[in-house]
């Protein structure tokens, strides 16, 4: 199963970008992963218009037929073991591409939530979208180490 993580815009903080790259590299030892930075032109106007614009960019880039996981505070929360189990279930269903979608600073458009196969919350707390990228990658890495039975999770 291929995993793609779609980001809107570049990660601003160098230390977060370094962590993202580190966990992507670690994760690639277990599974194919693609980080997709979608270039976003600065928009002015209402948040609804910005989310609509960003949604159209996501739609152009997301792989057809992929299993969509929207990372959103309204989604369900899983333990690290639960995420590992969720990934295993998708592998057993022969899902070819697993796409994680993280919104920009103003969040995701409602149509992205409606098209999601699953909505996943990283926490009840609020994180910047840049931090959510790093946290998601670390948890994916942790899930794959759980599946492999390595010591990282201990």
C-alpha atoms as a PDB file:
ATOM      1  CA  UNK A   1       0.000   0.000   0.000  1.00  0.00           C
ATOM      2  CA  UNK A   2       1.325   3.438  -0.893  1.00  0.00           C
ATOM      3  CA  UNK A   3       0.861   6.258   1.583  1.00  0.00           C
ATOM      4  CA  UNK A   4       0.652   9.869   0.518  1.00  0.00           C
ATOM      5  CA  UNK A   5       0.350  12.837   2.843  1.00  0.00           C
ATOM      6  CA  UNK A   6      -0.989  15.993   1.255  1.00  0.00           C
ATOM      7  CA  UNK A   7       0.138  19.301   2.744  1.00  0.00           C
ATOM      8  CA  UNK A   8      -1.116  22.722   1.735  1.00  0.00           C
ATOM      9  CA  UNK A   9       1.931  24.946   1.489  1.00  0.00           C
ATOM     10  CA  UNK A  10       5.436  24.553   2.801  1.00  0.00           C
ATOM     11  CA  UNK A  11       6.292  23.875   6.424  1.00  0.00           C
ATOM     12  CA  UNK A  12       7.423  27.217   7.818  1.00  0.00           C
ATOM     13  CA  UNK A  13       9.609  26.204  10.752  1.00  0.00           C
ATOM     14  CA  UNK A  14      12.930  24.526   9.916  1.00  0.00           C
ATOM     15  CA  UNK A  15      12.894  22.339  13.038  1.00  0.00           C
ATOM     16  CA  UNK A  16       9.461  20.942  12.102  1.00  0.00           C
ATOM     17  CA  UNK A  17      10.572  20.346   8.509  1.00  0.00           C
ATOM     18  CA  UNK A  18      13.632  18.500   9.789  1.00  0.00           C
ATOM     19  CA  UNK A  19      11.432  16.272  11.964  1.00  0.00           C
ATOM     20  CA  UNK A  20       9.033  15.634   9.079  1.00  0.00           C
ATOM     21  CA  UNK A  21      11.907  14.592   6.826  1.00  0.00           C
ATOM     22  CA  UNK A  22      13.385  12.393   9.557  1.00  0.00           C
ATOM     23  CA  UNK A  23      10.164  10.468  10.205  1.00  0.00           C
ATOM     24  CA  UNK A  24       9.408  10.199   6.473  1.00  0.00           C
ATOM     25  CA  UNK A  25      12.830   8.617   5.979  1.00  0.00           C
ATOM     26  CA  UNK A  26      12.300   6.236   8.901  1.00  0.00           C
ATOM     27  CA  UNK A  27       8.831   5.316   7.662  1.00  0.00           C
ATOM     28  CA  UNK A  28      10.124   4.593   4.155  1.00  0.00           C
ATOM     29  CA  UNK A  29      12.009   1.607   5.622  1.00  0.00           C
ATOM     30  CA  UNK A  30       8.608  -0.016   6.238  1.00  0.00           C
ATOM     31  CA  UNK A  31       6.365   1.388   3.537  1.00  0.00           C
ATOM     32  CA  UNK A  32       6.310   3.576   0.428  1.00  0.00           C
ATOM     33  CA  UNK A  33       5.487   7.150   1.383  1.00  0.00           C
ATOM     34  CA  UNK A  34       5.097  10.348  -0.588  1.00  0.00           C
ATOM     35  CA  UNK A  35       4.952  13.798   0.972  1.00  0.00           C
ATOM     36  CA  UNK A  36       3.020  16.115  -1.304  1.00  0.00           C
ATOM     37  CA  UNK A  37       3.568  19.841  -0.735  1.00  0.00           C
ATOM     38  CA  UNK A  38       0.846  21.600  -2.700  1.00  0.00           C
ATOM     39  CA  UNK A  39       1.817  25.114  -3.651  1.00  0.00           C
ATOM     40  CA  UNK A  40      -0.756  27.595  -2.394  1.00  0.00           C
ATOM     41  CA  UNK A  41      -0.956  31.167  -3.637  1.00  0.00           C
ATOM     42  CA  UNK A  42      -1.666  33.673  -0.895  1.00  0.00           C
ATOM     43  CA  UNK A  43      -5.385  34.345  -0.814  1.00  0.00           C
ATOM     44  CA  UNK A  44      -7.296  37.206   0.679  1.00  0.00           C
ATOM     45  CA  UNK A  45     -10.937  37.093   1.525  1.00  0.00           C
ATOM     46  CA  UNK A  46     -13.268  35.059   3.656  1.00  0.00           C
ATOM     47  CA  UNK A  47     -12.105  31.784   5.177  1.00  0.00           C
ATOM     48  CA  UNK A  48     -14.833  29.969   3.240  1.00  0.00           C
ATOM     49  CA  UNK A  49     -13.347  31.178  -0.058  1.00  0.00           C
ATOM     50  CA  UNK A  50      -9.829  30.216   1.020  1.00  0.00           C
ATOM     51  CA  UNK A  51     -10.955  26.724   2.045  1.00  0.00           C
ATOM     52  CA  UNK A  52     -12.785  26.316  -1.278  1.00  0.00           C
ATOM     53  CA  UNK A  53      -9.661  27.336  -3.224  1.00  0.00           C
ATOM     54  CA  UNK A  54      -7.478  24.965  -1.199  1.00  0.00           C
ATOM     55  CA  UNK A  55     -10.002  22.150  -1.664  1.00  0.00           C
ATOM     56  CA  UNK A  56      -9.790  22.544  -5.439  1.00  0.00           C
ATOM     57  CA  UNK A  57      -5.988  22.243  -5.222  1.00  0.00           C
ATOM     58  CA  UNK A  58      -6.310  19.072  -3.171  1.00  0.00           C
ATOM     59  CA  UNK A  59      -8.757  17.555  -5.644  1.00  0.00           C
ATOM     60  CA  UNK A  60      -6.326  18.117  -8.508  1.00  0.00           C
ATOM     61  CA  UNK A  61      -3.568  16.285  -6.657  1.00  0.00           C
ATOM     62  CA  UNK A  62      -5.156  13.451  -4.724  1.00  0.00           C
ATOM     63  CA  UNK A  63      -4.829  10.074  -6.420  1.00  0.00           C
ATOM     64  CA  UNK A  64      -8.018   8.714  -7.913  1.00  0.00           C
ATOM     65  CA  UNK A  65      -9.477   5.795  -5.982  1.00  0.00           C
ATOM     66  CA  UNK A  66      -7.351   6.405  -2.906  1.00  0.00           C
ATOM     67  CA  UNK A  67      -8.660   5.779   0.579  1.00  0.00           C
ATOM     68  CA  UNK A  68      -9.030   9.277   2.037  1.00  0.00           C
ATOM     69  CA  UNK A  69      -8.226  10.041   5.648  1.00  0.00           C
ATOM     70  CA  UNK A  70      -8.946  13.633   6.586  1.00  0.00           C
ATOM     71  CA  UNK A  71      -7.018  14.800   9.634  1.00  0.00           C
ATOM     72  CA  UNK A  72      -9.545  16.904  11.511  1.00  0.00           C
ATOM     73  CA  UNK A  73     -10.347  17.664  15.136  1.00  0.00           C
ATOM     74  CA  UNK A  74     -13.871  16.293  14.613  1.00  0.00           C
ATOM     75  CA  UNK A  75     -12.548  12.877  13.601  1.00  0.00           C
ATOM     76  CA  UNK A  76     -12.189   9.795  15.719  1.00  0.00           C
ATOM     77  CA  UNK A  77      -9.184   9.353  17.937  1.00  0.00           C
ATOM     78  CA  UNK A  78      -7.153   6.169  17.878  1.00  0.00           C
ATOM     79  CA  UNK A  79      -4.435   4.867  20.122  1.00  0.00           C
ATOM     80  CA  UNK A  80      -1.112   4.109  18.460  1.00  0.00           C
ATOM     81  CA  UNK A  81      -2.049   0.422  18.509  1.00  0.00           C
ATOM     82  CA  UNK A  82      -5.441   1.330  17.038  1.00  0.00           C
ATOM     83  CA  UNK A  83      -3.767   3.175  14.171  1.00  0.00           C
ATOM     84  CA  UNK A  84      -1.564   0.140  13.505  1.00  0.00           C
ATOM     85  CA  UNK A  85      -4.688  -2.038  13.430  1.00  0.00           C
ATOM     86  CA  UNK A  86      -6.492   0.407  11.135  1.00  0.00           C
ATOM     87  CA  UNK A  87      -3.584   0.313   8.666  1.00  0.00           C
ATOM     88  CA  UNK A  88      -3.496  -3.490   8.808  1.00  0.00           C
ATOM     89  CA  UNK A  89      -7.235  -3.648   8.014  1.00  0.00           C
ATOM     90  CA  UNK A  90      -6.722  -1.415   4.982  1.00  0.00           C
ATOM     91  CA  UNK A  91      -3.802  -3.576   3.841  1.00  0.00           C
ATOM     92  CA  UNK A  92      -6.002  -6.661   4.191  1.00  0.00           C
ATOM     93  CA  UNK A  93      -8.660  -4.952   2.067  1.00  0.00           C
ATOM     94  CA  UNK A  94      -5.956  -4.428  -0.608  1.00  0.00           C
ATOM     95  CA  UNK A  95      -6.173  -0.627  -0.504  1.00  0.00           C
ATOM     96  CA  UNK A  96      -3.603   0.582  -3.025  1.00  0.00           C
ATOM     97  CA  UNK A  97      -3.214   4.195  -1.877  1.00  0.00           C
ATOM     98  CA  UNK A  98      -3.866   5.656   1.539  1.00  0.00           C
ATOM     99  CA  UNK A  99      -4.111   9.452   1.372  1.00  0.00           C
ATOM    100  CA  UNK A 100      -3.880  11.587   4.494  1.00  0.00           C
ATOM    101  CA  UNK A 101      -5.184  15.122   3.981  1.00  0.00           C
ATOM    102  CA  UNK A 102      -4.163  17.938   6.311  1.00  0.00           C
ATOM    103  CA  UNK A 103      -5.750  21.348   5.853  1.00  0.00           C
ATOM    104  CA  UNK A 104      -4.104  24.725   5.853  1.00  0.00           C
ATOM    105  CA  UNK A 105      -4.178  27.430   8.528  1.00  0.00           C
ATOM    106  CA  UNK A 106      -7.934  28.028   8.107  1.00  0.00           C
ATOM    107  CA  UNK A 107      -8.845  24.350   8.032  1.00  0.00           C
ATOM    108  CA  UNK A 108     -10.467  22.164   5.413  1.00  0.00           C
ATOM    109  CA  UNK A 109     -13.521  22.809   3.297  1.00  0.00           C
ATOM    110  CA  UNK A 110     -16.624  20.829   4.221  1.00  0.00           C
ATOM    111  CA  UNK A 111     -16.504  18.964   0.900  1.00  0.00           C
ATOM    112  CA  UNK A 112     -13.190  17.384   1.938  1.00  0.00           C
ATOM    113  CA  UNK A 113     -14.808  16.068   5.109  1.00  0.00           C
ATOM    114  CA  UNK A 114     -17.740  14.707   3.088  1.00  0.00           C
ATOM    115  CA  UNK A 115     -15.433  12.895   0.636  1.00  0.00           C
ATOM    116  CA  UNK A 116     -13.370  11.356   3.437  1.00  0.00           C
ATOM    117  CA  UNK A 117     -13.510   7.631   3.984  1.00  0.00           C
ATOM    118  CA  UNK A 118     -12.347   8.290   7.536  1.00  0.00           C
ATOM    119  CA  UNK A 119     -11.821  11.382   9.644  1.00  0.00           C
ATOM    120  CA  UNK A 120      -8.969  11.079  12.128  1.00  0.00           C
ATOM    121  CA  UNK A 121      -8.257  13.382  15.055  1.00  0.00           C
ATOM    122  CA  UNK A 122      -4.723  13.544  16.393  1.00  0.00           C
ATOM    123  CA  UNK A 123      -5.853  14.921  19.746  1.00  0.00           C
ATOM    124  CA  UNK A 124      -8.532  16.921  21.507  1.00  0.00           C
ATOM    125  CA  UNK A 125      -5.938  19.675  21.645  1.00  0.00           C
ATOM    126  CA  UNK A 126      -5.404  22.055  18.749  1.00  0.00           C
ATOM    127  CA  UNK A 127      -2.105  22.008  16.831  1.00  0.00           C
ATOM    128  CA  UNK A 128      -0.833  24.198  14.039  1.00  0.00           C
ATOM    129  CA  UNK A 129      -1.173  22.505  10.659  1.00  0.00           C
ATOM    130  CA  UNK A 130       2.636  22.331  10.480  1.00  0.00           C
ATOM    131  CA  UNK A 131       2.846  20.525  13.828  1.00  0.00           C
ATOM    132  CA  UNK A 132       0.027  18.178  12.771  1.00  0.00           C
ATOM    133  CA  UNK A 133       2.217  17.073   9.858  1.00  0.00           C
ATOM    134  CA  UNK A 134       5.035  16.039  12.181  1.00  0.00           C
ATOM    135  CA  UNK A 135       2.733  14.381  14.704  1.00  0.00           C
ATOM    136  CA  UNK A 136       0.984  12.383  11.955  1.00  0.00           C
ATOM    137  CA  UNK A 137       4.277  11.167  10.522  1.00  0.00           C
ATOM    138  CA  UNK A 138       5.596  10.162  13.944  1.00  0.00           C
ATOM    139  CA  UNK A 139       2.400   8.240  14.652  1.00  0.00           C
ATOM    140  CA  UNK A 140       2.517   6.499  11.275  1.00  0.00           C
ATOM    141  CA  UNK A 141       6.108   5.499  11.960  1.00  0.00           C
ATOM    142  CA  UNK A 142       5.087   4.280  15.414  1.00  0.00           C
ATOM    143  CA  UNK A 143       2.197   2.277  13.898  1.00  0.00           C
ATOM    144  CA  UNK A 144       4.531   0.528  11.479  1.00  0.00           C
ATOM    145  CA  UNK A 145       7.015  -0.264  14.245  1.00  0.00           C
ATOM    146  CA  UNK A 146       4.153  -1.756  16.268  1.00  0.00           C
ATOM    147  CA  UNK A 147       3.186  -3.887  13.275  1.00  0.00           C
ATOM    148  CA  UNK A 148       6.820  -4.967  12.837  1.00  0.00           C
ATOM    149  CA  UNK A 149       7.308  -5.651  16.545  1.00  0.00           C
ATOM    150  CA  UNK A 150      10.322  -3.357  16.922  1.00  0.00           C
ATOM    151  CA  UNK A 151      11.376  -1.644  20.149  1.00  0.00           C
ATOM    152  CA  UNK A 152      10.480   1.951  19.165  1.00  0.00           C
ATOM    153  CA  UNK A 153       7.004   1.803  20.659  1.00  0.00           C
ATOM    154  CA  UNK A 154       8.132   0.540  24.056  1.00  0.00           C
END
